[in-house]
PDB file of all heavy atoms in Angstrom:
ATOM      1  N   LYS A   1     122.535  82.159  67.056  1.00  0.00           N
ATOM      2  CA  LYS A   1     123.849  82.626  66.611  1.00  0.00           C
ATOM      3  C   LYS A   1     124.282  83.864  67.396  1.00  0.00           C
ATOM      4  O   LYS A   1     123.477  84.493  68.074  1.00  0.00           O
ATOM      5  CB  LYS A   1     123.812  82.964  65.116  1.00  0.00           C
ATOM      6  CG  LYS A   1     123.792  81.771  64.185  1.00  0.00           C
ATOM      7  CD  LYS A   1     123.726  82.228  62.725  1.00  0.00           C
ATOM      8  CE  LYS A   1     124.893  83.129  62.349  1.00  0.00           C
ATOM      9  NZ  LYS A   1     124.874  83.512  60.920  1.00  0.00           N
ATOM     10  N   LYS A   2     125.565  84.212  67.259  1.00  0.00           N
ATOM     11  CA  LYS A   2     126.102  85.446  67.821  1.00  0.00           C
ATOM     12  C   LYS A   2     126.462  86.377  66.662  1.00  0.00           C
ATOM     13  O   LYS A   2     127.320  86.054  65.845  1.00  0.00           O
ATOM     14  CB  LYS A   2     127.350  85.177  68.665  1.00  0.00           C
ATOM     15  CG  LYS A   2     127.098  84.383  69.932  1.00  0.00           C
ATOM     16  CD  LYS A   2     126.429  85.247  71.000  1.00  0.00           C
ATOM     17  CE  LYS A   2     126.348  84.515  72.328  1.00  0.00           C
ATOM     18  NZ  LYS A   2     125.695  85.324  73.389  1.00  0.00           N
ATOM     19  N   TYR A   3     125.776  87.524  66.604  1.00  0.00           N
ATOM     20  CA  TYR A   3     125.964  88.456  65.500  1.00  0.00           C
ATOM     21  C   TYR A   3     126.766  89.679  65.941  1.00  0.00           C
ATOM     22  O   TYR A   3     126.591  90.177  67.074  1.00  0.00           O
ATOM     23  CB  TYR A   3     124.612  88.952  64.989  1.00  0.00           C
ATOM     24  CG  TYR A   3     123.776  87.923  64.284  1.00  0.00           C
ATOM     25  CD1 TYR A   3     122.911  87.099  65.001  1.00  0.00           C
ATOM     26  CD2 TYR A   3     123.826  87.776  62.899  1.00  0.00           C
ATOM     27  CE1 TYR A   3     122.118  86.161  64.366  1.00  0.00           C
ATOM     28  CE2 TYR A   3     123.037  86.841  62.246  1.00  0.00           C
ATOM     29  CZ  TYR A   3     122.185  86.040  62.986  1.00  0.00           C
ATOM     30  OH  TYR A   3     121.394  85.109  62.345  1.00  0.00           O
ATOM     31  N   PRO A   4     127.626  90.206  65.067  1.00  0.00           N
ATOM     32  CA  PRO A   4     128.237  91.508  65.350  1.00  0.00           C
ATOM     33  C   PRO A   4     127.177  92.601  65.238  1.00  0.00           C
ATOM     34  O   PRO A   4     126.236  92.494  64.441  1.00  0.00           O
ATOM     35  CB  PRO A   4     129.295  91.644  64.255  1.00  0.00           C
ATOM     36  CG  PRO A   4     128.767  90.829  63.120  1.00  0.00           C
ATOM     37  CD  PRO A   4     128.024  89.671  63.754  1.00  0.00           C
ATOM     38  N   VAL A   5     127.331  93.654  66.030  1.00  0.00           N
ATOM     39  CA  VAL A   5     126.321  94.711  66.052  1.00  0.00           C
ATOM     40  C   VAL A   5     126.983  96.044  65.703  1.00  0.00           C
ATOM     41  O   VAL A   5     128.121  96.317  66.090  1.00  0.00           O
ATOM     42  CB  VAL A   5     125.628  94.799  67.435  1.00  0.00           C
ATOM     43  CG1 VAL A   5     126.626  95.122  68.535  1.00  0.00           C
ATOM     44  CG2 VAL A   5     124.506  95.832  67.407  1.00  0.00           C
ATOM     45  N   ILE A   6     126.259  96.861  64.935  1.00  0.00           N
ATOM     46  CA  ILE A   6     126.675  98.229  64.623  1.00  0.00           C
ATOM     47  C   ILE A   6     125.628  99.173  65.196  1.00  0.00           C
ATOM     48  O   ILE A   6     124.444  99.082  64.844  1.00  0.00           O
ATOM     49  CB  ILE A   6     126.790  98.458  63.106  1.00  0.00           C
ATOM     50  CG1 ILE A   6     127.837  97.539  62.482  1.00  0.00           C
ATOM     51  CG2 ILE A   6     127.141  99.924  62.817  1.00  0.00           C
ATOM     52  CD1 ILE A   6     127.872  97.610  60.956  1.00  0.00           C
ATOM     53  N   PHE A   7     126.042 100.067  66.054  1.00  0.00           N
ATOM     54  CA  PHE A   7     125.168 101.138  66.526  1.00  0.00           C
ATOM     55  C   PHE A   7     125.370 102.344  65.602  1.00  0.00           C
ATOM     56  O   PHE A   7     126.464 102.921  65.574  1.00  0.00           O
ATOM     57  CB  PHE A   7     125.491 101.500  67.975  1.00  0.00           C
ATOM     58  CG  PHE A   7     125.116 100.446  68.971  1.00  0.00           C
ATOM     59  CD1 PHE A   7     126.044  99.481  69.361  1.00  0.00           C
ATOM     60  CD2 PHE A   7     123.836 100.394  69.508  1.00  0.00           C
ATOM     61  CE1 PHE A   7     125.706  98.498  70.273  1.00  0.00           C
ATOM     62  CE2 PHE A   7     123.478  99.417  70.425  1.00  0.00           C
ATOM     63  CZ  PHE A   7     124.415  98.466  70.803  1.00  0.00           C
ATOM     64  N   HIS A   8     124.345 102.678  64.854  1.00  0.00           N
ATOM     65  CA  HIS A   8     124.385 103.866  63.986  1.00  0.00           C
ATOM     66  C   HIS A   8     123.745 105.004  64.777  1.00  0.00           C
ATOM     67  O   HIS A   8     122.570 104.952  65.116  1.00  0.00           O
ATOM     68  CB  HIS A   8     123.630 103.617  62.688  1.00  0.00           C
ATOM     69  CG  HIS A   8     123.724 104.754  61.717  1.00  0.00           C
ATOM     70  ND1 HIS A   8     122.864 104.882  60.646  1.00  0.00           N
ATOM     71  CD2 HIS A   8     124.569 105.819  61.648  1.00  0.00           C
ATOM     72  CE1 HIS A   8     123.176 105.975  59.967  1.00  0.00           C
ATOM     73  NE2 HIS A   8     124.205 106.559  60.559  1.00  0.00           N
ATOM     74  N   VAL A   9     124.517 106.049  65.084  1.00  0.00           N
ATOM     75  CA  VAL A   9     124.117 107.023  66.095  1.00  0.00           C
ATOM     76  C   VAL A   9     124.044 108.446  65.539  1.00  0.00           C
ATOM     77  O   VAL A   9     124.658 108.777  64.529  1.00  0.00           O
ATOM     78  CB  VAL A   9     125.107 107.005  67.287  1.00  0.00           C
ATOM     79  CG1 VAL A   9     125.095 105.659  67.973  1.00  0.00           C
ATOM     80  CG2 VAL A   9     126.521 107.356  66.840  1.00  0.00           C
ATOM     81  N   TYR A  10     123.278 109.270  66.227  1.00  0.00           N
ATOM     82  CA  TYR A  10     123.331 110.729  66.091  1.00  0.00           C
ATOM     83  C   TYR A  10     123.310 111.320  67.505  1.00  0.00           C
ATOM     84  O   TYR A  10     124.321 111.684  68.041  1.00  0.00           O
ATOM     85  CB  TYR A  10     122.205 111.282  65.222  1.00  0.00           C
ATOM     86  CG  TYR A  10     122.402 112.757  64.945  1.00  0.00           C
ATOM     87  CD1 TYR A  10     123.321 113.170  63.992  1.00  0.00           C
ATOM     88  CD2 TYR A  10     121.699 113.731  65.649  1.00  0.00           C
ATOM     89  CE1 TYR A  10     123.544 114.521  63.754  1.00  0.00           C
ATOM     90  CE2 TYR A  10     121.915 115.080  65.417  1.00  0.00           C
ATOM     91  CZ  TYR A  10     122.840 115.471  64.464  1.00  0.00           C
ATOM     92  OH  TYR A  10     123.061 116.800  64.240  1.00  0.00           O
ATOM     93  N   GLY A  11     122.106 111.477  68.094  1.00  0.00           N
ATOM     94  CA  GLY A  11     122.047 111.736  69.523  1.00  0.00           C
ATOM     95  C   GLY A  11     122.019 113.175  69.967  1.00  0.00           C
ATOM     96  O   GLY A  11     121.997 113.441  71.164  1.00  0.00           O
ATOM     97  N   GLU A  12     122.017 114.147  69.048  1.00  0.00           N
ATOM     98  CA  GLU A  12     121.927 115.556  69.422  1.00  0.00           C
ATOM     99  C   GLU A  12     120.529 116.091  69.096  1.00  0.00           C
ATOM    100  O   GLU A  12     119.702 115.375  68.503  1.00  0.00           O
ATOM    101  CB  GLU A  12     123.036 116.355  68.722  1.00  0.00           C
ATOM    102  CG  GLU A  12     124.418 115.955  69.203  1.00  0.00           C
ATOM    103  CD  GLU A  12     125.501 116.954  68.842  1.00  0.00           C
ATOM    104  OE1 GLU A  12     125.191 118.031  68.296  1.00  0.00           O
ATOM    105  OE2 GLU A  12     126.682 116.652  69.102  1.00  0.00           O
ATOM    106  N   PRO A  13     120.229 117.346  69.459  1.00  0.00           N
ATOM    107  CA  PRO A  13     118.843 117.829  69.358  1.00  0.00           C
ATOM    108  C   PRO A  13     118.312 118.012  67.941  1.00  0.00           C
ATOM    109  O   PRO A  13     117.198 118.495  67.792  1.00  0.00           O
ATOM    110  CB  PRO A  13     118.904 119.190  70.076  1.00  0.00           C
ATOM    111  CG  PRO A  13     120.058 119.100  70.990  1.00  0.00           C
ATOM    112  CD  PRO A  13     121.058 118.281  70.252  1.00  0.00           C
ATOM    113  N   TRP A  14     119.079 117.642  66.945  1.00  0.00           N
ATOM    114  CA  TRP A  14     118.646 117.955  65.592  1.00  0.00           C
ATOM    115  C   TRP A  14     118.207 116.741  64.781  1.00  0.00           C
ATOM    116  O   TRP A  14     117.891 116.854  63.603  1.00  0.00           O
ATOM    117  CB  TRP A  14     119.743 118.720  64.846  1.00  0.00           C
ATOM    118  CG  TRP A  14     119.187 119.666  63.854  1.00  0.00           C
ATOM    119  CD1 TRP A  14     119.346 119.626  62.494  1.00  0.00           C
ATOM    120  CD2 TRP A  14     118.352 120.803  64.109  1.00  0.00           C
ATOM    121  NE1 TRP A  14     118.665 120.656  61.897  1.00  0.00           N
ATOM    122  CE2 TRP A  14     118.053 121.401  62.870  1.00  0.00           C
ATOM    123  CE3 TRP A  14     117.829 121.372  65.271  1.00  0.00           C
ATOM    124  CZ2 TRP A  14     117.241 122.538  62.757  1.00  0.00           C
ATOM    125  CZ3 TRP A  14     117.042 122.504  65.163  1.00  0.00           C
ATOM    126  CH2 TRP A  14     116.763 123.072  63.917  1.00  0.00           C
ATOM    127  N   LYS A  15     118.165 115.556  65.395  1.00  0.00           N
ATOM    128  CA  LYS A  15     117.806 114.384  64.583  1.00  0.00           C
ATOM    129  C   LYS A  15     117.345 113.239  65.455  1.00  0.00           C
ATOM    130  O   LYS A  15     117.907 112.982  66.512  1.00  0.00           O
ATOM    131  CB  LYS A  15     119.001 113.936  63.730  1.00  0.00           C
ATOM    132  CG  LYS A  15     118.663 112.903  62.665  1.00  0.00           C
ATOM    133  CD  LYS A  15     119.873 112.654  61.786  1.00  0.00           C
ATOM    134  CE  LYS A  15     119.547 111.688  60.651  1.00  0.00           C
ATOM    135  NZ  LYS A  15     120.722 111.442  59.789  1.00  0.00           N
ATOM    136  N   GLN A  16     116.319 112.546  64.960  1.00  0.00           N
ATOM    137  CA  GLN A  16     115.795 111.339  65.583  1.00  0.00           C
ATOM    138  C   GLN A  16     116.169 110.161  64.690  1.00  0.00           C
ATOM    139  O   GLN A  16     116.039 110.228  63.472  1.00  0.00           O
ATOM    140  CB  GLN A  16     114.276 111.469  65.722  1.00  0.00           C
ATOM    141  CG  GLN A  16     113.605 110.413  66.556  1.00  0.00           C
ATOM    142  CD  GLN A  16     112.096 110.661  66.691  1.00  0.00           C
ATOM    143  OE1 GLN A  16     111.609 111.720  66.334  1.00  0.00           O
ATOM    144  NE2 GLN A  16     111.374 109.672  67.191  1.00  0.00           N
ATOM    145  N   MET A  17     116.647 109.077  65.256  1.00  0.00           N
ATOM    146  CA  MET A  17     117.176 107.955  64.476  1.00  0.00           C
ATOM    147  C   MET A  17     116.262 106.734  64.443  1.00  0.00           C
ATOM    148  O   MET A  17     116.136 106.075  63.417  1.00  0.00           O
ATOM    149  CB  MET A  17     118.535 107.534  65.036  1.00  0.00           C
ATOM    150  CG  MET A  17     119.623 108.571  64.875  1.00  0.00           C
ATOM    151  SD  MET A  17     120.157 108.803  63.166  1.00  0.00           S
ATOM    152  CE  MET A  17     121.041 107.271  62.861  1.00  0.00           C
ATOM    153  N   ALA A  18     115.632 106.406  65.568  1.00  0.00           N
ATOM    154  CA  ALA A  18     114.843 105.175  65.661  1.00  0.00           C
ATOM    155  C   ALA A  18     113.424 105.430  65.162  1.00  0.00           C
ATOM    156  O   ALA A  18     112.453 105.406  65.925  1.00  0.00           O
ATOM    157  CB  ALA A  18     114.836 104.660  67.094  1.00  0.00           C
ATOM    158  N   THR A  19     113.310 105.704  63.870  1.00  0.00           N
ATOM    159  CA  THR A  19     112.035 106.116  63.294  1.00  0.00           C
ATOM    160  C   THR A  19     111.494 105.063  62.343  1.00  0.00           C
ATOM    161  O   THR A  19     112.240 104.248  61.783  1.00  0.00           O
ATOM    162  CB  THR A  19     112.202 107.446  62.539  1.00  0.00           C
ATOM    163  OG1 THR A  19     113.145 107.265  61.472  1.00  0.00           O
ATOM    164  CG2 THR A  19     112.701 108.524  63.484  1.00  0.00           C
ATOM    165  N   ASP A  20     110.199 105.120  62.139  1.00  0.00           N
ATOM    166  CA  ASP A  20     109.539 104.174  61.247  1.00  0.00           C
ATOM    167  C   ASP A  20     109.573 104.705  59.812  1.00  0.00           C
ATOM    168  O   ASP A  20     108.548 104.919  59.173  1.00  0.00           O
ATOM    169  CB  ASP A  20     108.096 103.941  61.706  1.00  0.00           C
ATOM    170  CG  ASP A  20     107.506 102.662  61.127  1.00  0.00           C
ATOM    171  OD1 ASP A  20     108.195 101.985  60.337  1.00  0.00           O
ATOM    172  OD2 ASP A  20     106.343 102.349  61.456  1.00  0.00           O
ATOM    173  N   THR A  21     110.794 104.969  59.338  1.00  0.00           N
ATOM    174  CA  THR A  21     111.032 105.396  57.962  1.00  0.00           C
ATOM    175  C   THR A  21     111.924 104.368  57.286  1.00  0.00           C
ATOM    176  O   THR A  21     112.659 103.626  57.949  1.00  0.00           O
ATOM    177  CB  THR A  21     111.718 106.768  57.911  1.00  0.00           C
ATOM    178  OG1 THR A  21     112.907 106.730  58.719  1.00  0.00           O
ATOM    179  CG2 THR A  21     110.798 107.856  58.446  1.00  0.00           C
ATOM    180  N   TRP A  22     111.889 104.352  55.954  1.00  0.00           N
ATOM    181  CA  TRP A  22     112.632 103.335  55.206  1.00  0.00           C
ATOM    182  C   TRP A  22     114.099 103.323  55.608  1.00  0.00           C
ATOM    183  O   TRP A  22     114.751 104.368  55.676  1.00  0.00           O
ATOM    184  CB  TRP A  22     112.494 103.593  53.711  1.00  0.00           C
ATOM    185  CG  TRP A  22     113.118 102.506  52.880  1.00  0.00           C
ATOM    186  CD1 TRP A  22     112.996 101.168  53.072  1.00  0.00           C
ATOM    187  CD2 TRP A  22     113.970 102.687  51.742  1.00  0.00           C
ATOM    188  NE1 TRP A  22     113.716 100.479  52.111  1.00  0.00           N
ATOM    189  CE2 TRP A  22     114.323 101.384  51.288  1.00  0.00           C
ATOM    190  CE3 TRP A  22     114.457 103.802  51.067  1.00  0.00           C
ATOM    191  CZ2 TRP A  22     115.150 101.188  50.172  1.00  0.00           C
ATOM    192  CZ3 TRP A  22     115.275 103.603  49.960  1.00  0.00           C
ATOM    193  CH2 TRP A  22     115.613 102.306  49.515  1.00  0.00           C
ATOM    194  N   ILE A  23     114.627 102.129  55.887  1.00  0.00           N
ATOM    195  CA  ILE A  23     115.993 101.996  56.383  1.00  0.00           C
ATOM    196  C   ILE A  23     117.030 102.325  55.322  1.00  0.00           C
ATOM    197  O   ILE A  23     118.154 102.720  55.653  1.00  0.00           O
ATOM    198  CB  ILE A  23     116.241 100.587  56.951  1.00  0.00           C
ATOM    199  CG1 ILE A  23     116.012  99.522  55.870  1.00  0.00           C
ATOM    200  CG2 ILE A  23     115.359 100.344  58.170  1.00  0.00           C
ATOM    201  CD1 ILE A  23     116.374  98.109  56.309  1.00  0.00           C
ATOM    202  N   GLY A  24     116.725 102.159  54.050  1.00  0.00           N
ATOM    203  CA  GLY A  24     117.659 102.500  52.989  1.00  0.00           C
ATOM    204  C   GLY A  24     118.561 101.347  52.595  1.00  0.00           C
ATOM    205  O   GLY A  24     118.688 100.328  53.284  1.00  0.00           O
ATOM    206  N   LEU A  25     119.235 101.524  51.464  1.00  0.00           N
ATOM    207  CA  LEU A  25     120.010 100.444  50.856  1.00  0.00           C
ATOM    208  C   LEU A  25     121.257 100.091  51.663  1.00  0.00           C
ATOM    209  O   LEU A  25     121.642  98.924  51.738  1.00  0.00           O
ATOM    210  CB  LEU A  25     120.410 100.824  49.430  1.00  0.00           C
ATOM    211  CG  LEU A  25     119.263 100.940  48.424  1.00  0.00           C
ATOM    212  CD1 LEU A  25     119.755 101.556  47.132  1.00  0.00           C
ATOM    213  CD2 LEU A  25     118.642  99.571  48.158  1.00  0.00           C
ATOM    214  N   TYR A  26     121.918 101.089  52.267  1.00  0.00           N
ATOM    215  CA  TYR A  26     123.173 100.768  52.952  1.00  0.00           C
ATOM    216  C   TYR A  26     122.930  99.893  54.174  1.00  0.00           C
ATOM    217  O   TYR A  26     123.706  98.953  54.436  1.00  0.00           O
ATOM    218  CB  TYR A  26     123.902 102.048  53.350  1.00  0.00           C
ATOM    219  CG  TYR A  26     125.293 101.781  53.889  1.00  0.00           C
ATOM    220  CD1 TYR A  26     126.248 101.130  53.110  1.00  0.00           C
ATOM    221  CD2 TYR A  26     125.641 102.158  55.181  1.00  0.00           C
ATOM    222  CE1 TYR A  26     127.528 100.869  53.605  1.00  0.00           C
ATOM    223  CE2 TYR A  26     126.921 101.904  55.681  1.00  0.00           C
ATOM    224  CZ  TYR A  26     127.857 101.257  54.889  1.00  0.00           C
ATOM    225  OH  TYR A  26     129.118 100.991  55.377  1.00  0.00           O
ATOM    226  N   ASP A  27     121.868 100.150  54.913  1.00  0.00           N
ATOM    227  CA  ASP A  27     121.561  99.277  56.058  1.00  0.00           C
ATOM    228  C   ASP A  27     121.154  97.880  55.586  1.00  0.00           C
ATOM    229  O   ASP A  27     121.460  96.875  56.255  1.00  0.00           O
ATOM    230  CB  ASP A  27     120.464  99.893  56.919  1.00  0.00           C
ATOM    231  CG  ASP A  27     121.014 100.916  57.905  1.00  0.00           C
ATOM    232  OD1 ASP A  27     122.251 101.019  58.031  1.00  0.00           O
ATOM    233  OD2 ASP A  27     120.219 101.635  58.539  1.00  0.00           O
ATOM    234  N   ILE A  28     120.459  97.803  54.460  1.00  0.00           N
ATOM    235  CA  ILE A  28     120.138  96.483  53.895  1.00  0.00           C
ATOM    236  C   ILE A  28     121.431  95.748  53.554  1.00  0.00           C
ATOM    237  O   ILE A  28     121.603  94.560  53.849  1.00  0.00           O
ATOM    238  CB  ILE A  28     119.239  96.626  52.654  1.00  0.00           C
ATOM    239  CG1 ILE A  28     117.871  97.196  53.046  1.00  0.00           C
ATOM    240  CG2 ILE A  28     119.079  95.282  51.940  1.00  0.00           C
ATOM    241  CD1 ILE A  28     116.980  97.527  51.861  1.00  0.00           C
ATOM    242  N   PHE A  29     122.355  96.469  52.929  1.00  0.00           N
ATOM    243  CA  PHE A  29     123.658  95.893  52.562  1.00  0.00           C
ATOM    244  C   PHE A  29     124.403  95.383  53.796  1.00  0.00           C
ATOM    245  O   PHE A  29     124.937  94.261  53.805  1.00  0.00           O
ATOM    246  CB  PHE A  29     124.474  96.950  51.826  1.00  0.00           C
ATOM    247  CG  PHE A  29     125.921  96.611  51.631  1.00  0.00           C
ATOM    248  CD1 PHE A  29     126.318  95.738  50.630  1.00  0.00           C
ATOM    249  CD2 PHE A  29     126.898  97.169  52.453  1.00  0.00           C
ATOM    250  CE1 PHE A  29     127.669  95.422  50.448  1.00  0.00           C
ATOM    251  CE2 PHE A  29     128.237  96.866  52.286  1.00  0.00           C
ATOM    252  CZ  PHE A  29     128.627  95.983  51.274  1.00  0.00           C
ATOM    253  N   LEU A  30     124.452  96.187  54.864  1.00  0.00           N
ATOM    254  CA  LEU A  30     125.152  95.766  56.080  1.00  0.00           C
ATOM    255  C   LEU A  30     124.487  94.539  56.706  1.00  0.00           C
ATOM    256  O   LEU A  30     125.171  93.631  57.203  1.00  0.00           O
ATOM    257  CB  LEU A  30     125.191  96.909  57.091  1.00  0.00           C
ATOM    258  CG  LEU A  30     126.099  98.095  56.751  1.00  0.00           C
ATOM    259  CD1 LEU A  30     125.949  99.188  57.809  1.00  0.00           C
ATOM    260  CD2 LEU A  30     127.558  97.672  56.640  1.00  0.00           C
ATOM    261  N   ALA A  31     123.161  94.505  56.679  1.00  0.00           N
ATOM    262  CA  ALA A  31     122.453  93.339  57.223  1.00  0.00           C
ATOM    263  C   ALA A  31     122.775  92.092  56.404  1.00  0.00           C
ATOM    264  O   ALA A  31     122.882  90.986  56.953  1.00  0.00           O
ATOM    265  CB  ALA A  31     120.956  93.597  57.251  1.00  0.00           C
ATOM    266  N   GLN A  32     122.941  92.265  55.090  1.00  0.00           N
ATOM    267  CA  GLN A  32     123.319  91.125  54.252  1.00  0.00           C
ATOM    268  C   GLN A  32     124.729  90.632  54.558  1.00  0.00           C
ATOM    269  O   GLN A  32     125.068  89.489  54.255  1.00  0.00           O
ATOM    270  CB  GLN A  32     123.198  91.504  52.775  1.00  0.00           C
ATOM    271  CG  GLN A  32     121.761  91.683  52.304  1.00  0.00           C
ATOM    272  CD  GLN A  32     121.670  92.052  50.832  1.00  0.00           C
ATOM    273  OE1 GLN A  32     122.674  92.365  50.193  1.00  0.00           O
ATOM    274  NE2 GLN A  32     120.466  92.024  50.294  1.00  0.00           N
ATOM    275  N   LYS A  33     125.540  91.501  55.163  1.00  0.00           N
ATOM    276  CA  LYS A  33     126.874  91.100  55.600  1.00  0.00           C
ATOM    277  C   LYS A  33     126.841  90.443  56.985  1.00  0.00           C
ATOM    278  O   LYS A  33     127.885  90.147  57.562  1.00  0.00           O
ATOM    279  CB  LYS A  33     127.800  92.323  55.648  1.00  0.00           C
ATOM    280  CG  LYS A  33     128.094  92.918  54.282  1.00  0.00           C
ATOM    281  CD  LYS A  33     128.922  91.979  53.413  1.00  0.00           C
ATOM    282  CE  LYS A  33     129.321  92.622  52.108  1.00  0.00           C
ATOM    283  NZ  LYS A  33     130.098  91.684  51.236  1.00  0.00           N
ATOM    284  N   ASP A  34     125.636  90.241  57.498  1.00  0.00           N
ATOM    285  CA  ASP A  34     125.402  89.564  58.772  1.00  0.00           C
ATOM    286  C   ASP A  34     125.607  90.465  59.990  1.00  0.00           C
ATOM    287  O   ASP A  34     125.866  89.976  61.098  1.00  0.00           O
ATOM    288  CB  ASP A  34     126.255  88.298  58.917  1.00  0.00           C
ATOM    289  CG  ASP A  34     125.384  87.058  59.111  1.00  0.00           C
ATOM    290  OD1 ASP A  34     124.170  87.130  58.779  1.00  0.00           O
ATOM    291  OD2 ASP A  34     125.901  86.037  59.578  1.00  0.00           O
ATOM    292  N   PHE A  35     125.465  91.769  59.803  1.00  0.00           N
ATOM    293  CA  PHE A  35     125.476  92.686  60.930  1.00  0.00           C
ATOM    294  C   PHE A  35     124.057  92.885  61.469  1.00  0.00           C
ATOM    295  O   PHE A  35     123.085  92.905  60.713  1.00  0.00           O
ATOM    296  CB  PHE A  35     126.002  94.067  60.520  1.00  0.00           C
ATOM    297  CG  PHE A  35     127.496  94.155  60.359  1.00  0.00           C
ATOM    298  CD1 PHE A  35     128.064  94.278  59.101  1.00  0.00           C
ATOM    299  CD2 PHE A  35     128.324  94.125  61.469  1.00  0.00           C
ATOM    300  CE1 PHE A  35     129.441  94.383  58.946  1.00  0.00           C
ATOM    301  CE2 PHE A  35     129.705  94.232  61.330  1.00  0.00           C
ATOM    302  CZ  PHE A  35     130.267  94.354  60.061  1.00  0.00           C
TER     303      PHE A  35
END
């Protein structure tokens, strides 16, 4: 299939995003919307 993609970003010296921590409910919700 072809899925729409959302890049959830930060990118400055104060935060790391691609971490092995719980993704949380909102990302689960977005994935359920087929993102």
